[in-house]
Amino acid sequence: MPKKTYRQVINEAIASEMRRDSRVVAIGTDIAGGKGSPGEEDAWGGVLGVTKGLYGEFGPERVLDTPITESAFIGASVGAAATGLRPVAELMFVDFMGVCFDQIFNQAAKFRYMFGGKAVTPIVIRTMYGGGFRAASQHSQCLYPLFTHIPGLKVVIPSSPYEAKGLLIEAIRDNDPVIFFEHKVLYDIEEDVPDEAYTIPFGEANITREGRDVTVVAFGRMVSFANTAADELKREGISVTVIDPRTTSPLDTETILESVSATGRLVVVDEAHPRCSMAADIARLVAEEGFKDLRAPIRTVTPPHTPVPFSPTLEDIYIPSVARIKDVVRSIAAKVSA
């Protein structure tokens, strides 16, 4: 099985679905930029080159470049989805969603409900998120909790190349609007990924480590941090289960509650701001539905409630780390054994 990067498999998933279904189109700022300029045989493929090569294969009728007008091209994509196409829209950074919230929250998310289930809106909005890229506060936020809050949207946060390919193909084939979050720091990580197309169902969490002492739920890039922490804690005699929910809407609550029932302890690792976050949501779920199983307080590992710093030193402190995860897990494991 060949090793492929996160960037490569995103491109591969889009291309395979465009070959399979002529209704799939790609649209976004600079995804066809650079074509025809000196020395360029193909388009740049977006700000980080994720869609490079699509323009050369599918041409300008299916790879549509746009100005930096998110309200316009997201609105056009929603309209295209409502009238028969299956657009994959690229919004460079999730931080820019503010100018097209109406098109997403009040239009795309509501059509199925407003029209009694007779309307479908098969749009995927791909967007980058997350800190660690030295991109400062306006290009580094983790805003997936905002979209999780809106009924009618599906929210996907792949944690690795294998997950990204299967979840993106599933998203493109889905008949509801999907917000697909890609952590920019993950684009160059490699993993064994099959050449053939495959799907990963939404709402089915992945247990990446199995243990008996503590349950850790982590999202996106934080899954690899949690896995590393679990591996290192195992050498200290602390056995940790790590759960990657994959999607926040729908959310696999059953897997989380079953694991907490077995371990009696929960830590949630979330790169989003702590107020009204997925960490808060998972903590509420377990406090309400799994309280009887808890043997220690629920703990969270999140950034502080501040903008993402531009200073590299401060940004590294801001983002949850393997060391912080280990410290928090130790603190509740010690409470139980005491």
Protein backbone atom coordinates (compact mmCIF):
# COMPACT_ATOMS: atom_id res chain seq x y z
CA MET A 1 0.00 0.00 0.00
CA PRO A 2 1.61 3.32 -1.06
CA LYS A 3 2.37 6.13 1.37
CA LYS A 4 0.53 9.34 0.57
CA THR A 5 0.32 12.78 2.13
CA TYR A 6 -2.85 14.36 3.51
CA ARG A 7 -2.62 16.93 0.67
CA GLN A 8 -2.26 14.20 -1.94
CA VAL A 9 -5.26 12.16 -0.81
CA ILE A 10 -7.56 15.21 -0.73
CA ASN A 11 -6.65 15.82 -4.36
CA GLU A 12 -7.05 12.11 -5.16
CA ALA A 13 -10.51 11.93 -3.57
CA ILE A 14 -11.81 14.94 -5.50
CA ALA A 15 -10.36 13.70 -8.79
CA SER A 16 -11.78 10.19 -8.40
CA GLU A 17 -15.26 11.56 -7.67
CA MET A 18 -15.05 14.00 -10.61
CA ARG A 19 -14.22 11.06 -12.89
CA ARG A 20 -17.04 8.97 -11.41
CA ASP A 21 -19.75 11.64 -11.51
CA SER A 22 -19.86 14.45 -14.08
CA ARG A 23 -22.01 16.53 -11.72
CA VAL A 24 -19.08 17.02 -9.32
CA VAL A 25 -17.38 20.38 -9.85
CA ALA A 26 -14.63 22.21 -7.95
CA ILE A 27 -14.91 25.92 -7.19
CA GLY A 28 -12.88 28.38 -5.16
CA THR A 29 -10.35 31.18 -5.03
CA ASP A 30 -7.13 30.44 -6.93
CA ILE A 31 -7.86 26.75 -7.48
CA ALA A 32 -7.26 27.51 -11.18
CA GLY A 33 -4.99 30.50 -10.52
CA GLY A 34 -1.72 30.79 -12.44
CA LYS A 35 -2.89 28.94 -15.56
CA GLY A 36 -1.29 30.53 -18.60
CA SER A 37 1.26 32.59 -16.68
CA PRO A 38 4.94 32.23 -17.61
CA GLY A 39 6.33 28.86 -16.58
CA GLU A 40 2.94 27.49 -15.52
CA GLU A 41 1.55 24.51 -17.41
CA ASP A 42 -1.12 23.93 -14.78
CA ALA A 43 -2.97 25.94 -12.16
CA TRP A 44 -1.54 26.51 -8.69
CA GLY A 45 -4.27 24.48 -7.08
CA GLY A 46 -5.19 26.83 -4.27
CA VAL A 47 -3.12 28.62 -1.66
CA LEU A 48 -1.34 25.40 -0.56
CA GLY A 49 -1.54 23.49 -3.85
CA VAL A 50 -4.11 20.93 -2.72
CA THR A 51 -6.08 20.88 -5.99
CA LYS A 52 -3.13 21.18 -8.36
CA GLY A 53 -3.66 19.06 -11.48
CA LEU A 54 -7.46 19.13 -11.47
CA TYR A 55 -7.65 22.02 -13.93
CA GLY A 56 -5.45 20.22 -16.44
CA GLU A 57 -7.63 17.10 -16.35
CA PHE A 58 -11.13 18.57 -16.05
CA GLY A 59 -10.80 22.02 -17.61
CA PRO A 60 -12.43 25.38 -16.87
CA GLU A 61 -16.03 24.11 -17.03
CA ARG A 62 -15.55 21.90 -13.95
CA VAL A 63 -12.71 23.65 -12.12
CA LEU A 64 -13.98 27.15 -11.52
CA ASP A 65 -11.72 29.92 -10.27
CA THR A 66 -13.29 32.76 -8.31
CA PRO A 67 -12.33 36.15 -6.91
CA ILE A 68 -11.92 36.52 -3.14
CA THR A 69 -15.68 36.90 -2.69
CA GLU A 70 -16.70 34.14 -0.34
CA SER A 71 -20.30 35.31 -0.12
CA ALA A 72 -20.63 35.08 -3.91
CA PHE A 73 -19.00 31.75 -4.66
CA ILE A 74 -20.41 29.95 -1.62
CA GLY A 75 -23.85 31.30 -2.55
CA ALA A 76 -23.35 30.17 -6.14
CA SER A 77 -22.24 26.74 -4.92
CA VAL A 78 -25.34 26.37 -2.72
CA GLY A 79 -27.52 27.31 -5.69
CA ALA A 80 -25.68 24.86 -7.93
CA ALA A 81 -26.17 22.09 -5.36
CA ALA A 82 -29.88 22.85 -5.11
CA THR A 83 -30.27 22.60 -8.89
CA GLY A 84 -28.43 19.38 -9.71
CA LEU A 85 -24.67 19.79 -9.40
CA ARG A 86 -22.45 18.48 -6.60
CA PRO A 87 -19.97 21.29 -5.92
CA VAL A 88 -16.81 20.93 -3.85
CA ALA A 89 -16.13 24.50 -2.76
CA GLU A 90 -12.78 25.53 -1.31
CA LEU A 91 -12.83 28.33 1.23
CA MET A 92 -9.18 29.02 1.99
CA PHE A 93 -9.47 29.49 5.74
CA VAL A 94 -12.43 28.81 8.02
CA ASP A 95 -11.79 32.25 9.50
CA PHE A 96 -13.36 33.71 6.32
CA MET A 97 -16.69 31.96 6.86
CA GLY A 98 -18.05 35.09 8.53
CA VAL A 99 -18.91 36.73 5.21
CA CYS A 100 -20.97 33.75 4.00
CA PHE A 101 -22.71 32.56 7.17
CA ASP A 102 -26.15 33.37 5.75
CA GLN A 103 -25.59 31.21 2.67
CA ILE A 104 -24.51 28.30 4.88
CA PHE A 105 -26.59 28.67 8.05
CA ASN A 106 -29.87 30.07 6.68
CA GLN A 107 -29.92 28.57 3.19
CA ALA A 108 -27.94 25.36 2.66
CA ALA A 109 -28.58 24.02 6.17
CA LYS A 110 -32.33 24.71 5.98
CA PHE A 111 -33.44 23.55 2.52
CA ARG A 112 -34.16 19.91 3.40
CA TYR A 113 -36.20 20.99 6.45
CA MET A 114 -38.02 23.87 4.73
CA PHE A 115 -39.15 21.73 1.81
CA GLY A 116 -40.26 18.69 3.79
CA GLY A 117 -37.33 16.50 2.87
CA LYS A 118 -37.88 16.92 -0.88
CA ALA A 119 -34.86 19.17 -1.46
CA VAL A 120 -31.24 18.05 -1.28
CA THR A 121 -28.15 20.26 -1.14
CA PRO A 122 -25.11 18.08 -1.93
CA ILE A 123 -22.37 20.63 -1.35
CA VAL A 124 -19.00 20.08 0.33
CA ILE A 125 -17.23 23.15 1.69
CA ARG A 126 -13.55 22.35 2.23
CA THR A 127 -11.72 24.71 4.55
CA MET A 128 -8.43 24.97 6.43
CA TYR A 129 -8.28 25.46 10.17
CA GLY A 130 -5.96 25.29 13.14
CA GLY A 131 -2.85 26.76 14.71
CA GLY A 132 0.80 25.82 14.45
CA PHE A 133 1.30 27.31 10.98
CA ARG A 134 2.47 30.74 12.16
CA ALA A 135 -0.52 32.28 10.38
CA ALA A 136 -1.71 34.50 13.28
CA SER A 137 -5.15 34.98 14.76
CA GLN A 138 -7.12 35.65 11.55
CA HIS A 139 -6.01 32.46 9.80
CA SER A 140 -5.68 29.91 12.63
CA GLN A 141 -9.01 29.46 14.38
CA CYS A 142 -10.80 26.16 15.01
CA LEU A 143 -14.41 27.08 14.30
CA TYR A 144 -15.96 23.64 13.89
CA PRO A 145 -18.09 24.11 17.05
CA LEU A 146 -19.97 26.93 15.28
CA PHE A 147 -21.01 24.63 12.45
CA THR A 148 -21.74 21.72 14.78
CA HIS A 149 -24.29 24.00 16.47
CA ILE A 150 -26.37 24.35 13.27
CA PRO A 151 -28.89 21.57 12.50
CA GLY A 152 -28.77 20.53 8.86
CA LEU A 153 -24.99 20.66 8.48
CA LYS A 154 -22.63 17.70 8.67
CA VAL A 155 -19.21 18.49 10.12
CA VAL A 156 -16.14 16.37 9.34
CA ILE A 157 -12.67 16.66 10.93
CA PRO A 158 -10.26 14.04 9.52
CA SER A 159 -7.19 13.30 11.61
CA SER A 160 -4.93 11.53 9.09
CA PRO A 161 -4.47 10.88 5.35
CA TYR A 162 -6.37 7.57 5.44
CA GLU A 163 -9.26 9.19 7.26
CA ALA A 164 -9.23 12.23 4.97
CA LYS A 165 -9.64 10.27 1.73
CA GLY A 166 -12.46 8.04 2.93
CA LEU A 167 -14.34 10.83 4.67
CA LEU A 168 -14.05 13.24 1.71
CA ILE A 169 -15.40 10.68 -0.75
CA GLU A 170 -18.26 10.01 1.68
CA ALA A 171 -18.86 13.77 1.92
CA ILE A 172 -19.00 14.28 -1.85
CA ARG A 173 -21.51 11.43 -2.19
CA ASP A 174 -23.68 12.74 0.67
CA ASN A 175 -26.87 14.64 -0.19
CA ASP A 176 -26.59 17.12 2.69
CA PRO A 177 -24.23 20.09 3.07
CA VAL A 178 -20.91 19.02 4.59
CA ILE A 179 -18.28 21.29 6.14
CA PHE A 180 -14.96 19.49 5.71
CA PHE A 181 -12.18 20.74 7.99
CA GLU A 182 -8.54 20.23 6.91
CA HIS A 183 -5.82 21.07 9.43
CA LYS A 184 -3.15 22.93 7.50
CA VAL A 185 -0.33 21.47 9.62
CA LEU A 186 -1.35 17.95 8.56
CA TYR A 187 -0.99 18.44 4.79
CA ASP A 188 2.51 16.96 4.57
CA ILE A 189 2.15 14.00 6.95
CA GLU A 190 2.26 10.57 5.26
CA GLU A 191 0.40 7.33 5.81
CA ASP A 192 -0.42 4.12 3.93
CA VAL A 193 -3.50 4.87 1.82
CA PRO A 194 -5.10 2.61 -0.83
CA ASP A 195 -5.20 3.76 -4.45
CA GLU A 196 -8.81 2.67 -4.88
CA ALA A 197 -11.78 4.71 -3.70
CA TYR A 198 -13.34 3.88 -0.32
CA THR A 199 -15.71 5.59 2.08
CA ILE A 200 -15.80 6.02 5.85
CA PRO A 201 -19.34 6.41 7.24
CA PHE A 202 -20.24 9.55 9.14
CA GLY A 203 -21.14 9.20 12.81
CA GLU A 204 -18.88 6.19 13.46
CA ALA A 205 -15.97 7.02 15.76
CA ASN A 206 -12.56 5.40 15.39
CA ILE A 207 -10.88 3.92 18.46
CA THR A 208 -7.19 4.53 17.79
CA ARG A 209 -5.89 3.19 21.12
CA GLU A 210 -7.56 0.77 23.54
CA GLY A 211 -7.05 0.95 27.29
CA ARG A 212 -8.78 0.37 30.59
CA ASP A 213 -7.91 3.38 32.80
CA VAL A 214 -8.86 6.62 31.02
CA THR A 215 -10.88 7.59 27.93
CA VAL A 216 -9.45 10.43 25.82
CA VAL A 217 -11.62 11.99 23.10
CA ALA A 218 -9.66 14.13 20.62
CA PHE A 219 -10.40 15.92 17.35
CA GLY A 220 -8.38 16.43 14.15
CA ARG A 221 -4.69 17.11 14.72
CA MET A 222 -5.17 16.48 18.44
CA VAL A 223 -5.77 12.76 17.75
CA SER A 224 -2.10 12.18 16.94
CA PHE A 225 -1.14 14.12 20.09
CA ALA A 226 -3.48 11.94 22.15
CA ASN A 227 -2.09 8.77 20.55
CA THR A 228 1.48 9.80 21.40
CA ALA A 229 0.44 10.62 24.97
CA ALA A 230 -1.28 7.23 25.29
CA ASP A 231 1.79 5.38 24.01
CA GLU A 232 4.07 7.19 26.45
CA LEU A 233 1.68 6.76 29.40
CA LYS A 234 1.48 3.05 28.70
CA ARG A 235 5.15 2.79 29.68
CA GLU A 236 4.16 4.33 33.03
CA GLY A 237 1.47 1.73 33.58
CA ILE A 238 -1.49 3.96 32.61
CA SER A 239 -3.73 2.40 29.97
CA VAL A 240 -5.59 4.89 27.76
CA THR A 241 -8.38 4.58 25.19
CA VAL A 242 -8.23 7.25 22.46
CA ILE A 243 -11.39 8.01 20.49
CA ASP A 244 -11.40 9.99 17.23
CA PRO A 245 -15.06 10.96 16.60
CA ARG A 246 -14.25 11.79 12.94
CA THR A 247 -17.46 13.82 12.69
CA THR A 248 -18.96 16.21 15.22
CA SER A 249 -22.33 16.21 13.47
CA PRO A 250 -23.43 13.46 13.48
CA LEU A 251 -21.61 12.51 16.69
CA ASP A 252 -21.06 8.91 17.78
CA THR A 253 -22.21 9.36 21.37
CA GLU A 254 -22.61 5.63 21.91
CA THR A 255 -18.91 4.84 21.49
CA ILE A 256 -17.93 7.65 23.88
CA LEU A 257 -20.42 6.62 26.56
CA GLU A 258 -19.50 2.93 26.29
CA SER A 259 -15.82 3.72 26.72
CA VAL A 260 -16.41 5.98 29.73
CA SER A 261 -18.59 3.25 31.22
CA ALA A 262 -15.58 0.94 31.04
CA THR A 263 -12.85 3.35 32.19
CA GLY A 264 -14.78 5.70 34.49
CA ARG A 265 -12.60 8.63 33.46
CA LEU A 266 -12.79 11.17 30.63
CA VAL A 267 -10.37 13.70 29.14
CA VAL A 268 -11.38 15.72 26.07
CA VAL A 269 -8.64 17.30 23.92
CA ASP A 270 -9.87 20.10 21.69
CA GLU A 271 -7.89 22.78 19.82
CA ALA A 272 -10.94 25.08 19.65
CA HIS A 273 -11.51 27.87 22.17
CA PRO A 274 -12.80 26.39 25.45
CA ARG A 275 -16.13 28.25 25.73
CA CYS A 276 -19.00 26.45 23.91
CA SER A 277 -16.47 24.04 22.38
CA MET A 278 -16.60 20.36 21.50
CA ALA A 279 -14.74 19.76 24.77
CA ALA A 280 -17.63 21.41 26.59
CA ASP A 281 -20.17 19.47 24.52
CA ILE A 282 -18.61 16.06 25.18
CA ALA A 283 -18.23 16.90 28.88
CA ARG A 284 -21.95 17.81 29.02
CA LEU A 285 -22.89 14.57 27.25
CA VAL A 286 -21.02 12.40 29.74
CA ALA A 287 -22.10 14.46 32.76
CA GLU A 288 -25.75 14.03 31.76
CA GLU A 289 -25.80 10.47 30.40
CA GLY A 290 -22.77 8.79 31.96
CA PHE A 291 -22.43 10.44 35.37
CA LYS A 292 -23.05 7.19 37.25
CA ASP A 293 -20.01 5.65 35.57
CA LEU A 294 -17.55 8.41 36.47
CA ARG A 295 -14.88 7.67 39.06
CA ALA A 296 -13.05 10.99 38.68
CA PRO A 297 -13.85 14.53 37.48
CA ILE A 298 -14.15 15.15 33.73
CA ARG A 299 -11.11 17.07 32.50
CA THR A 300 -10.45 19.02 29.31
CA VAL A 301 -7.27 20.06 27.50
CA THR A 302 -7.86 23.19 25.42
CA PRO A 303 -6.17 26.47 24.53
CA PRO A 304 -6.92 29.51 26.69
CA HIS A 305 -9.87 31.70 25.71
CA THR A 306 -7.74 34.11 23.68
CA PRO A 307 -6.98 34.72 19.99
CA VAL A 308 -4.27 32.51 18.48
CA PRO A 309 -0.93 34.31 19.03
CA PHE A 310 1.37 35.21 16.13
CA SER A 311 4.51 34.81 18.25
CA PRO A 312 5.86 31.28 17.60
CA THR A 313 6.78 30.88 21.27
CA LEU A 314 3.32 31.91 22.46
CA GLU A 315 1.56 29.86 19.77
CA ASP A 316 3.40 26.72 20.87
CA ILE A 317 2.28 27.35 24.45
CA TYR A 318 -1.27 28.12 23.30
CA ILE A 319 -1.86 24.83 21.44
CA PRO A 320 -2.58 21.72 23.57
CA SER A 321 0.54 19.57 23.79
CA VAL A 322 1.38 15.93 24.43
CA ALA A 323 2.89 16.96 27.77
CA ARG A 324 -0.32 18.71 28.87
CA ILE A 325 -2.43 15.72 27.86
CA LYS A 326 -0.19 13.39 29.87
CA ASP A 327 -0.32 15.64 32.93
CA VAL A 328 -4.12 15.79 32.89
CA VAL A 329 -4.49 12.03 32.36
CA ARG A 330 -2.07 11.36 35.23
CA SER A 331 -4.03 13.68 37.51
CA ILE A 332 -7.28 11.71 37.23
CA ALA A 333 -5.60 8.31 37.05
CA ALA A 334 -3.89 9.17 40.34
CA LYS A 335 -7.21 10.21 41.92
CA VAL A 336 -8.68 6.82 41.17
CA SER A 337 -5.75 4.75 42.35
CA ALA A 338 -5.37 6.76 45.55
